[in-house]
N, C-alpha and C. Protein backbone atom coordinates (compact mmCIF):
# COMPACT_ATOMS: atom_id res chain seq x y z
N UNK A 1 -13.81 4.92 1.73
CA UNK A 1 -12.67 5.39 2.49
C UNK A 1 -11.41 4.83 1.86
N UNK A 2 -10.41 5.65 1.76
CA UNK A 2 -9.13 5.26 1.19
C UNK A 2 -8.08 5.25 2.30
N UNK A 3 -7.35 4.12 2.41
CA UNK A 3 -6.29 3.98 3.40
C UNK A 3 -5.04 3.44 2.73
N UNK A 4 -3.90 3.88 3.22
CA UNK A 4 -2.62 3.32 2.82
C UNK A 4 -2.00 2.64 4.03
N UNK A 5 -1.19 1.63 3.80
CA UNK A 5 -0.54 0.91 4.90
C UNK A 5 0.94 0.76 4.56
N UNK A 6 1.78 1.03 5.54
CA UNK A 6 3.22 0.91 5.38
C UNK A 6 3.84 0.55 6.72
N UNK A 7 4.95 -0.19 6.72
CA UNK A 7 5.60 -0.52 7.98
C UNK A 7 6.44 0.63 8.56
N UNK A 8 6.48 1.75 7.88
CA UNK A 8 7.24 2.90 8.38
C UNK A 8 6.57 3.49 9.62
N UNK A 9 7.36 4.12 10.50
CA UNK A 9 6.80 4.73 11.71
C UNK A 9 5.97 5.98 11.39
N UNK A 10 5.07 6.36 12.29
CA UNK A 10 4.18 7.51 12.06
C UNK A 10 4.91 8.82 11.71
N UNK A 11 6.05 9.11 12.33
CA UNK A 11 6.76 10.35 12.02
C UNK A 11 7.22 10.38 10.56
N UNK A 12 7.66 9.24 10.06
CA UNK A 12 8.07 9.16 8.65
C UNK A 12 6.85 9.33 7.74
N UNK A 13 5.73 8.76 8.16
CA UNK A 13 4.48 8.93 7.40
C UNK A 13 4.08 10.40 7.33
N UNK A 14 4.18 11.10 8.44
CA UNK A 14 3.81 12.52 8.47
C UNK A 14 4.60 13.31 7.43
N UNK A 15 5.89 13.06 7.36
CA UNK A 15 6.74 13.76 6.37
C UNK A 15 6.35 13.38 4.95
N UNK A 16 6.09 12.10 4.72
CA UNK A 16 5.71 11.61 3.39
C UNK A 16 4.37 12.21 2.96
N UNK A 17 3.41 12.23 3.87
CA UNK A 17 2.08 12.78 3.58
C UNK A 17 2.20 14.26 3.23
N UNK A 18 2.98 14.99 4.00
CA UNK A 18 3.16 16.43 3.74
C UNK A 18 3.87 16.67 2.40
N UNK A 19 4.92 15.91 2.15
CA UNK A 19 5.70 16.08 0.92
C UNK A 19 4.86 15.83 -0.34
N UNK A 20 4.03 14.78 -0.29
CA UNK A 20 3.26 14.38 -1.47
C UNK A 20 1.81 14.86 -1.42
N UNK A 21 1.45 15.59 -0.35
CA UNK A 21 0.09 16.12 -0.19
C UNK A 21 -0.96 15.03 -0.36
N UNK A 22 -0.77 13.93 0.34
CA UNK A 22 -1.70 12.81 0.23
C UNK A 22 -3.05 13.17 0.84
N UNK A 23 -4.14 12.88 0.11
CA UNK A 23 -5.47 13.20 0.62
C UNK A 23 -6.13 12.03 1.36
N UNK A 24 -5.32 11.12 1.92
CA UNK A 24 -5.88 9.97 2.63
C UNK A 24 -4.98 9.61 3.81
N UNK A 25 -5.50 8.75 4.66
CA UNK A 25 -4.79 8.31 5.86
C UNK A 25 -3.78 7.23 5.49
N UNK A 26 -2.60 7.33 6.07
CA UNK A 26 -1.56 6.34 5.90
C UNK A 26 -1.31 5.68 7.26
N UNK A 27 -1.63 4.39 7.35
CA UNK A 27 -1.51 3.66 8.61
C UNK A 27 -0.10 3.09 8.77
N UNK A 28 0.40 3.13 10.00
CA UNK A 28 1.70 2.57 10.31
C UNK A 28 1.53 1.13 10.79
N UNK A 29 2.22 0.22 10.13
CA UNK A 29 2.16 -1.21 10.45
C UNK A 29 3.56 -1.69 10.80
N UNK A 30 4.12 -1.10 11.86
CA UNK A 30 5.52 -1.36 12.20
C UNK A 30 5.82 -2.83 12.49
N UNK A 31 4.85 -3.57 13.01
CA UNK A 31 5.10 -4.99 13.27
C UNK A 31 4.76 -5.86 12.05
N UNK A 32 4.31 -5.20 10.98
CA UNK A 32 4.01 -5.85 9.70
C UNK A 32 2.86 -6.84 9.76
N UNK A 33 2.03 -6.77 10.78
CA UNK A 33 0.91 -7.70 10.94
C UNK A 33 -0.09 -7.57 9.78
N UNK A 34 -0.42 -6.34 9.40
CA UNK A 34 -1.37 -6.13 8.30
C UNK A 34 -0.74 -6.59 6.99
N UNK A 35 0.50 -6.17 6.75
CA UNK A 35 1.19 -6.55 5.51
C UNK A 35 1.26 -8.06 5.35
N UNK A 36 1.59 -8.75 6.42
CA UNK A 36 1.69 -10.21 6.36
C UNK A 36 0.31 -10.84 6.17
N UNK A 37 -0.71 -10.31 6.83
CA UNK A 37 -2.07 -10.85 6.71
C UNK A 37 -2.58 -10.75 5.27
N UNK A 38 -2.20 -9.69 4.58
CA UNK A 38 -2.64 -9.49 3.20
C UNK A 38 -1.64 -10.05 2.18
N UNK A 39 -0.57 -10.66 2.66
CA UNK A 39 0.40 -11.30 1.78
C UNK A 39 1.24 -10.33 0.95
N UNK A 40 1.47 -9.14 1.49
CA UNK A 40 2.23 -8.14 0.73
C UNK A 40 3.61 -7.86 1.32
N UNK A 41 4.04 -8.68 2.26
CA UNK A 41 5.39 -8.57 2.82
C UNK A 41 6.17 -9.79 2.38
N UNK A 42 7.35 -9.58 1.79
CA UNK A 42 8.13 -10.73 1.37
C UNK A 42 9.43 -10.35 0.71
N UNK A 43 10.05 -11.33 0.11
CA UNK A 43 11.37 -11.18 -0.51
C UNK A 43 11.23 -10.43 -1.83
N UNK A 44 12.07 -9.41 -2.00
CA UNK A 44 12.09 -8.60 -3.21
C UNK A 44 13.49 -8.59 -3.78
N UNK A 45 13.60 -8.26 -5.07
CA UNK A 45 14.91 -8.12 -5.72
C UNK A 45 14.95 -6.77 -6.40
N UNK A 46 16.08 -6.09 -6.25
CA UNK A 46 16.29 -4.83 -6.94
C UNK A 46 17.77 -4.70 -7.24
N UNK A 47 18.11 -4.58 -8.51
CA UNK A 47 19.50 -4.43 -8.96
C UNK A 47 20.40 -5.53 -8.40
N UNK A 48 19.89 -6.76 -8.43
CA UNK A 48 20.67 -7.91 -7.99
C UNK A 48 20.71 -8.13 -6.49
N UNK A 49 20.09 -7.23 -5.73
CA UNK A 49 20.09 -7.34 -4.28
C UNK A 49 18.75 -7.89 -3.80
N UNK A 50 18.77 -8.80 -2.85
CA UNK A 50 17.53 -9.33 -2.28
C UNK A 50 17.33 -8.77 -0.88
N UNK A 51 16.09 -8.47 -0.56
CA UNK A 51 15.74 -7.92 0.74
C UNK A 51 14.26 -8.14 1.00
N UNK A 52 13.84 -8.03 2.27
CA UNK A 52 12.42 -8.13 2.62
C UNK A 52 11.80 -6.74 2.53
N UNK A 53 10.60 -6.69 1.98
CA UNK A 53 9.92 -5.42 1.84
C UNK A 53 8.45 -5.59 1.49
N UNK A 54 7.80 -4.46 1.27
CA UNK A 54 6.37 -4.44 0.95
C UNK A 54 6.19 -4.41 -0.56
N UNK A 55 5.32 -5.28 -1.05
CA UNK A 55 4.95 -5.26 -2.46
C UNK A 55 3.88 -4.18 -2.65
N UNK A 56 3.95 -3.44 -3.74
CA UNK A 56 2.93 -2.43 -4.03
C UNK A 56 1.70 -3.12 -4.59
N UNK A 57 0.69 -3.24 -3.76
CA UNK A 57 -0.55 -3.92 -4.12
C UNK A 57 -1.71 -3.06 -3.64
N UNK A 58 -2.77 -3.00 -4.43
CA UNK A 58 -3.98 -2.30 -4.01
C UNK A 58 -5.11 -3.30 -3.90
N UNK A 59 -5.89 -3.16 -2.82
CA UNK A 59 -7.07 -3.99 -2.59
C UNK A 59 -8.28 -3.07 -2.57
N UNK A 60 -9.30 -3.40 -3.36
CA UNK A 60 -10.58 -2.71 -3.29
C UNK A 60 -11.47 -3.56 -2.40
N UNK A 61 -11.84 -3.00 -1.25
CA UNK A 61 -12.60 -3.74 -0.24
C UNK A 61 -13.95 -3.07 -0.07
N UNK A 62 -15.02 -3.85 -0.14
CA UNK A 62 -16.36 -3.27 -0.01
C UNK A 62 -16.68 -2.94 1.45
N UNK A 63 -17.78 -2.23 1.69
CA UNK A 63 -18.13 -1.83 3.07
C UNK A 63 -18.30 -2.99 4.04
N UNK A 64 -18.55 -4.19 3.53
CA UNK A 64 -18.70 -5.37 4.40
C UNK A 64 -17.37 -6.06 4.66
N UNK A 65 -16.28 -5.56 4.06
CA UNK A 65 -14.96 -6.12 4.29
C UNK A 65 -14.54 -7.18 3.29
N UNK A 66 -15.33 -7.37 2.22
CA UNK A 66 -15.00 -8.37 1.20
C UNK A 66 -14.12 -7.73 0.12
N UNK A 67 -13.03 -8.43 -0.22
CA UNK A 67 -12.14 -7.94 -1.27
C UNK A 67 -12.86 -8.09 -2.62
N UNK A 68 -13.00 -6.98 -3.33
CA UNK A 68 -13.68 -6.98 -4.61
C UNK A 68 -12.70 -7.08 -5.79
N UNK A 69 -11.52 -6.50 -5.64
CA UNK A 69 -10.53 -6.53 -6.72
C UNK A 69 -9.14 -6.33 -6.11
N UNK A 70 -8.15 -6.93 -6.75
CA UNK A 70 -6.75 -6.78 -6.34
C UNK A 70 -5.94 -6.34 -7.54
N UNK A 71 -5.13 -5.32 -7.36
CA UNK A 71 -4.16 -4.89 -8.36
C UNK A 71 -2.79 -5.32 -7.81
N UNK A 72 -2.20 -6.41 -8.34
CA UNK A 72 -0.98 -6.95 -7.74
C UNK A 72 0.31 -6.20 -8.05
N UNK A 73 0.35 -5.42 -9.11
CA UNK A 73 1.57 -4.69 -9.46
C UNK A 73 1.20 -3.26 -9.78
N UNK A 74 1.32 -2.41 -8.80
CA UNK A 74 0.89 -1.02 -8.93
C UNK A 74 2.01 -0.14 -9.48
N UNK A 75 1.67 0.65 -10.50
CA UNK A 75 2.57 1.68 -11.02
C UNK A 75 1.95 3.02 -10.60
N UNK A 76 2.55 3.71 -9.62
CA UNK A 76 1.93 4.89 -9.03
C UNK A 76 1.43 5.95 -10.02
N UNK A 77 2.16 6.20 -11.10
CA UNK A 77 1.79 7.26 -12.03
C UNK A 77 0.45 7.07 -12.71
N UNK A 78 0.05 5.83 -12.94
CA UNK A 78 -1.18 5.57 -13.67
C UNK A 78 -2.25 4.85 -12.84
N UNK A 79 -1.92 4.51 -11.62
CA UNK A 79 -2.80 3.65 -10.84
C UNK A 79 -4.09 4.33 -10.38
N UNK A 80 -4.04 5.59 -10.04
CA UNK A 80 -5.26 6.28 -9.58
C UNK A 80 -6.36 6.19 -10.62
N UNK A 81 -6.01 6.36 -11.89
CA UNK A 81 -7.00 6.28 -12.96
C UNK A 81 -7.61 4.88 -13.05
N UNK A 82 -6.79 3.84 -12.85
CA UNK A 82 -7.29 2.46 -12.89
C UNK A 82 -8.32 2.24 -11.79
N UNK A 83 -8.01 2.70 -10.59
CA UNK A 83 -8.91 2.51 -9.46
C UNK A 83 -10.20 3.30 -9.68
N UNK A 84 -10.09 4.54 -10.11
CA UNK A 84 -11.28 5.37 -10.35
C UNK A 84 -12.16 4.75 -11.43
N UNK A 85 -11.56 4.18 -12.46
CA UNK A 85 -12.33 3.53 -13.51
C UNK A 85 -13.10 2.33 -12.97
N UNK A 86 -12.51 1.61 -12.04
CA UNK A 86 -13.16 0.45 -11.43
C UNK A 86 -14.33 0.85 -10.54
N UNK A 87 -14.17 1.99 -9.85
CA UNK A 87 -15.24 2.45 -8.96
C UNK A 87 -16.44 2.90 -9.76
């Protein structure tokens, strides 16, 4: 099963899923509990500006809930191939 997690609200997710034709479920984590539990919420820098946000990280989790692999810096254009190769 493939899941995505983002702190955005469900209505924003619906638009994003439709726009990009995502073939998986995108979970809303508005209180950031999941993001914080997995250590993917924190301070980021972009063009000299600092802000709190979600780091793009992928976790491969087995059916028993054990993390098998972590990709800490995801580049969306090539990442699907990396994950498929690992599977």
